[in-house]
Structures are given as structure tokens and as C-alpha cells.
Amino acid sequence: EVQLVESGGGFMQVGGSLTLSCVVFGFGLNERTIGWFRQAPGKDREDVSCLEPFSSPTYYADSVKGRFTMSKDNAKNTVYLQMNNLQPEDTAVYYCGAPYTTDYACYDAMRYGMDYWGKGTLVTVSA
């Protein structure tokens, strides 16, 4: 059974940093694309970043480029989202997502979304 479990959210002041984690159960990170997404109150879900199993560079939304870094630890089957210089507009529930299949690229994920989702972790940034 596939499960994605996010953690690391919290309250942060503008300019601060947080690192989110997503532990993956049910498949290895060297098998499938995985991504971070977010949804702010009253807004649609937004792509944040995406990582394919054996390719680089990692995809980043324009709104987070230069501030967020996605990485993974295959041994721990965990992906991370390091978020620096946080801004109020980064306030959202952050989710990690993964596809059913192994041939799903970040291009597909950004257009069509993912199949498996975690429950999310809330990040609140206060001015």
C-alpha cells in the first residue's frame, strides 16, 4: 500500500526557513517521480517542485525558484523541501504526491496532477 506522510510544517515569520519531509511507503524513490504541491486557503492547488527518479534538474515553480530546494534520501525513502526566505504568500497546506506508474514524468505531473497524496502539512508565514 502506498502512503505518503508529510511533516515539518509550522508557524514562521517572514524571512525564516522550514524544511518539510515526506516519507514514502510502498515504492522506492528510485522508481517514480515525486512532487511537492501546495494549496492556500481559497485557492487552487499549485505545483511547487518535482523530481524524477534519475534525471535532473528538479522542476520548480517560478514563485519558489531560488528560495526552495527539493532533495531526496533514497536510503530513507524520504523527500525534503527546504524553504528559505519564506513570505506570507507561501502560507498553504503542502502536500507530496506520486503517480501510479513508473513512466510518469514531471511534465505529466504538472499538467495532470498525481494519483497518491499525503494528508499535508500546514505552513503559516506571518509578516
C-alpha atoms as a PDB file:
ATOM      1  CA  GLU A   1       0.000   0.000   0.000  1.00  0.00           C
ATOM      2  CA  VAL A   2       1.320   3.390  -0.977  1.00  0.00           C
ATOM      3  CA  GLN A   3       1.388   6.063   1.711  1.00  0.00           C
ATOM      4  CA  LEU A   4       2.939   9.500   1.734  1.00  0.00           C
ATOM      5  CA  VAL A   5       3.430  11.118   5.139  1.00  0.00           C
ATOM      6  CA  GLU A   6       4.380  14.788   5.317  1.00  0.00           C
ATOM      7  CA  SER A   7       5.756  16.606   8.348  1.00  0.00           C
ATOM      8  CA  GLY A   8       7.683  19.716   9.282  1.00  0.00           C
ATOM      9  CA  GLY A   9       5.112  22.433   8.822  1.00  0.00           C
ATOM     10  CA  GLY A  10       4.605  25.181  11.326  1.00  0.00           C
ATOM     11  CA  PHE A  11       4.466  28.880  12.000  1.00  0.00           C
ATOM     12  CA  MET A  12       7.280  31.083  10.726  1.00  0.00           C
ATOM     13  CA  GLN A  13       7.944  34.779  10.392  1.00  0.00           C
ATOM     14  CA  VAL A  14       8.790  36.387   7.082  1.00  0.00           C
ATOM     15  CA  GLY A  15      12.315  35.590   6.003  1.00  0.00           C
ATOM     16  CA  GLY A  16      12.515  32.419   8.039  1.00  0.00           C
ATOM     17  CA  SER A  17      13.181  28.857   6.932  1.00  0.00           C
ATOM     18  CA  LEU A  18      11.480  25.499   7.275  1.00  0.00           C
ATOM     19  CA  THR A  19      12.238  22.031   5.992  1.00  0.00           C
ATOM     20  CA  LEU A  20       9.368  19.734   5.108  1.00  0.00           C
ATOM     21  CA  SER A  21       9.729  15.959   4.914  1.00  0.00           C
ATOM     22  CA  CYS A  22       7.699  13.341   3.088  1.00  0.00           C
ATOM     23  CA  VAL A  23       8.277   9.715   3.982  1.00  0.00           C
ATOM     24  CA  VAL A  24       7.219   7.333   1.224  1.00  0.00           C
ATOM     25  CA  PHE A  25       5.845   3.862   1.842  1.00  0.00           C
ATOM     26  CA  GLY A  26       5.037   1.332  -0.854  1.00  0.00           C
ATOM     27  CA  PHE A  27       7.604   2.164  -3.527  1.00  0.00           C
ATOM     28  CA  GLY A  28      11.196   3.318  -3.777  1.00  0.00           C
ATOM     29  CA  LEU A  29      12.182   6.857  -4.698  1.00  0.00           C
ATOM     30  CA  ASN A  30      14.345   5.494  -7.478  1.00  0.00           C
ATOM     31  CA  GLU A  31      11.184   4.125  -9.153  1.00  0.00           C
ATOM     32  CA  ARG A  32       8.823   7.059  -9.578  1.00  0.00           C
ATOM     33  CA  THR A  33       8.518  10.784  -9.983  1.00  0.00           C
ATOM     34  CA  ILE A  34       7.536  12.609  -6.818  1.00  0.00           C
ATOM     35  CA  GLY A  35       6.490  16.183  -6.251  1.00  0.00           C
ATOM     36  CA  TRP A  36       5.564  18.863  -3.753  1.00  0.00           C
ATOM     37  CA  PHE A  37       2.368  20.840  -4.169  1.00  0.00           C
ATOM     38  CA  ARG A  38       0.579  23.412  -2.055  1.00  0.00           C
ATOM     39  CA  GLN A  39      -2.891  24.817  -1.597  1.00  0.00           C
ATOM     40  CA  ALA A  40      -3.537  28.162   0.020  1.00  0.00           C
ATOM     41  CA  PRO A  41      -6.914  28.966   1.602  1.00  0.00           C
ATOM     42  CA  GLY A  42      -9.470  29.686  -1.086  1.00  0.00           C
ATOM     43  CA  LYS A  43      -7.074  28.921  -3.916  1.00  0.00           C
ATOM     44  CA  ASP A  44      -6.419  26.066  -6.302  1.00  0.00           C
ATOM     45  CA  ARG A  45      -3.616  23.604  -5.762  1.00  0.00           C
ATOM     46  CA  GLU A  46      -0.282  24.882  -7.038  1.00  0.00           C
ATOM     47  CA  ASP A  47       2.739  22.980  -8.252  1.00  0.00           C
ATOM     48  CA  VAL A  48       5.837  23.659  -6.174  1.00  0.00           C
ATOM     49  CA  SER A  49       8.564  21.256  -7.239  1.00  0.00           C
ATOM     50  CA  CYS A  50       9.042  17.876  -8.831  1.00  0.00           C
ATOM     51  CA  LEU A  51      11.807  15.330  -9.078  1.00  0.00           C
ATOM     52  CA  GLU A  52      12.111  12.423 -11.492  1.00  0.00           C
ATOM     53  CA  PRO A  53      13.918   9.234 -10.412  1.00  0.00           C
ATOM     54  CA  PHE A  54      17.076   9.518 -12.491  1.00  0.00           C
ATOM     55  CA  SER A  55      17.064  12.911 -14.100  1.00  0.00           C
ATOM     56  CA  SER A  56      17.878  16.465 -13.201  1.00  0.00           C
ATOM     57  CA  PRO A  57      17.340  19.332 -12.797  1.00  0.00           C
ATOM     58  CA  THR A  58      14.468  19.382 -10.383  1.00  0.00           C
ATOM     59  CA  TYR A  59      11.445  21.360 -11.541  1.00  0.00           C
ATOM     60  CA  TYR A  60      10.488  24.455  -9.521  1.00  0.00           C
ATOM     61  CA  ALA A  61       7.568  26.825  -9.863  1.00  0.00           C
ATOM     62  CA  ASP A  62       8.653  30.369 -10.680  1.00  0.00           C
ATOM     63  CA  SER A  63       7.227  31.581  -7.376  1.00  0.00           C
ATOM     64  CA  VAL A  64       9.712  29.476  -5.364  1.00  0.00           C
ATOM     65  CA  LYS A  65      12.800  29.395  -7.583  1.00  0.00           C
ATOM     66  CA  GLY A  66      15.905  30.443  -5.733  1.00  0.00           C
ATOM     67  CA  ARG A  67      14.216  30.022  -2.337  1.00  0.00           C
ATOM     68  CA  PHE A  68      13.069  26.378  -2.194  1.00  0.00           C
ATOM     69  CA  THR A  69      15.184  23.273  -2.724  1.00  0.00           C
ATOM     70  CA  MET A  70      13.822  19.772  -3.177  1.00  0.00           C
ATOM     71  CA  SER A  71      16.008  16.800  -2.373  1.00  0.00           C
ATOM     72  CA  LYS A  72      15.683  13.142  -1.543  1.00  0.00           C
ATOM     73  CA  ASP A  73      17.364  10.453   0.502  1.00  0.00           C
ATOM     74  CA  ASN A  74      16.823   7.117  -1.214  1.00  0.00           C
ATOM     75  CA  ALA A  75      18.087   5.191   1.786  1.00  0.00           C
ATOM     76  CA  LYS A  76      15.434   6.787   3.996  1.00  0.00           C
ATOM     77  CA  ASN A  77      12.847   6.835   1.191  1.00  0.00           C
ATOM     78  CA  THR A  78      12.200  10.445   2.120  1.00  0.00           C
ATOM     79  CA  VAL A  79      11.938  13.638   0.103  1.00  0.00           C
ATOM     80  CA  TYR A  80      12.571  17.065   1.553  1.00  0.00           C
ATOM     81  CA  LEU A  81      11.590  20.610   0.725  1.00  0.00           C
ATOM     82  CA  GLN A  82      13.964  23.190   2.154  1.00  0.00           C
ATOM     83  CA  MET A  83      12.153  26.532   2.179  1.00  0.00           C
ATOM     84  CA  ASN A  84      14.161  29.705   2.717  1.00  0.00           C
ATOM     85  CA  ASN A  85      13.184  33.372   2.824  1.00  0.00           C
ATOM     86  CA  LEU A  86       9.566  32.456   3.471  1.00  0.00           C
ATOM     87  CA  GLN A  87       6.930  35.003   2.504  1.00  0.00           C
ATOM     88  CA  PRO A  88       3.262  35.380   3.505  1.00  0.00           C
ATOM     89  CA  GLU A  89       2.222  34.104   0.081  1.00  0.00           C
ATOM     90  CA  ASP A  90       3.913  30.796   0.911  1.00  0.00           C
ATOM     91  CA  THR A  91       1.216  30.138   3.525  1.00  0.00           C
ATOM     92  CA  ALA A  92      -0.524  26.930   2.459  1.00  0.00           C
ATOM     93  CA  VAL A  93      -1.001  23.257   3.149  1.00  0.00           C
ATOM     94  CA  TYR A  94       1.896  21.459   1.498  1.00  0.00           C
ATOM     95  CA  TYR A  95       1.387  18.006   0.025  1.00  0.00           C
ATOM     96  CA  CYS A  96       3.645  15.478  -1.578  1.00  0.00           C
ATOM     97  CA  GLY A  97       2.258  13.454  -4.425  1.00  0.00           C
ATOM     98  CA  ALA A  98       3.254  10.481  -6.548  1.00  0.00           C
ATOM     99  CA  PRO A  99       1.869   8.724  -9.617  1.00  0.00           C
ATOM    100  CA  TYR A 100       0.587   5.190 -10.088  1.00  0.00           C
ATOM    101  CA  THR A 101       3.118   4.436 -12.803  1.00  0.00           C
ATOM    102  CA  THR A 102       6.873   4.482 -13.169  1.00  0.00           C
ATOM    103  CA  ASP A 103       6.908   6.300 -16.521  1.00  0.00           C
ATOM    104  CA  TYR A 104       5.166   9.447 -15.302  1.00  0.00           C
ATOM    105  CA  ALA A 105       7.334  12.500 -15.785  1.00  0.00           C
ATOM    106  CA  CYS A 106       7.281  15.855 -14.026  1.00  0.00           C
ATOM    107  CA  TYR A 107       5.806  17.317 -17.210  1.00  0.00           C
ATOM    108  CA  ASP A 108       2.831  14.969 -16.773  1.00  0.00           C
ATOM    109  CA  ALA A 109       2.584  15.722 -13.063  1.00  0.00           C
ATOM    110  CA  MET A 110       2.462  19.461 -13.617  1.00  0.00           C
ATOM    111  CA  ARG A 111      -0.289  19.096 -16.214  1.00  0.00           C
ATOM    112  CA  TYR A 112      -2.401  16.293 -14.788  1.00  0.00           C
ATOM    113  CA  GLY A 113      -1.530  16.050 -11.118  1.00  0.00           C
ATOM    114  CA  MET A 114      -0.662  12.973  -9.131  1.00  0.00           C
ATOM    115  CA  ASP A 115      -2.505   9.832  -8.055  1.00  0.00           C
ATOM    116  CA  TYR A 116      -1.290   9.365  -4.488  1.00  0.00           C
ATOM    117  CA  TRP A 117      -1.357  12.200  -1.985  1.00  0.00           C
ATOM    118  CA  GLY A 118      -0.341  12.670   1.612  1.00  0.00           C
ATOM    119  CA  LYS A 119      -2.571  14.426   4.128  1.00  0.00           C
ATOM    120  CA  GLY A 120      -0.465  17.557   4.011  1.00  0.00           C
ATOM    121  CA  THR A 121       1.362  19.763   6.469  1.00  0.00           C
ATOM    122  CA  LEU A 122       0.397  23.373   7.167  1.00  0.00           C
ATOM    123  CA  VAL A 123       2.903  26.182   6.738  1.00  0.00           C
ATOM    124  CA  THR A 124       1.904  29.608   8.027  1.00  0.00           C
ATOM    125  CA  VAL A 125       4.109  32.636   7.368  1.00  0.00           C
ATOM    126  CA  SER A 126       3.380  35.812   9.263  1.00  0.00           C
ATOM    127  CA  ALA A 127       4.527  39.291   8.333  1.00  0.00           C
END
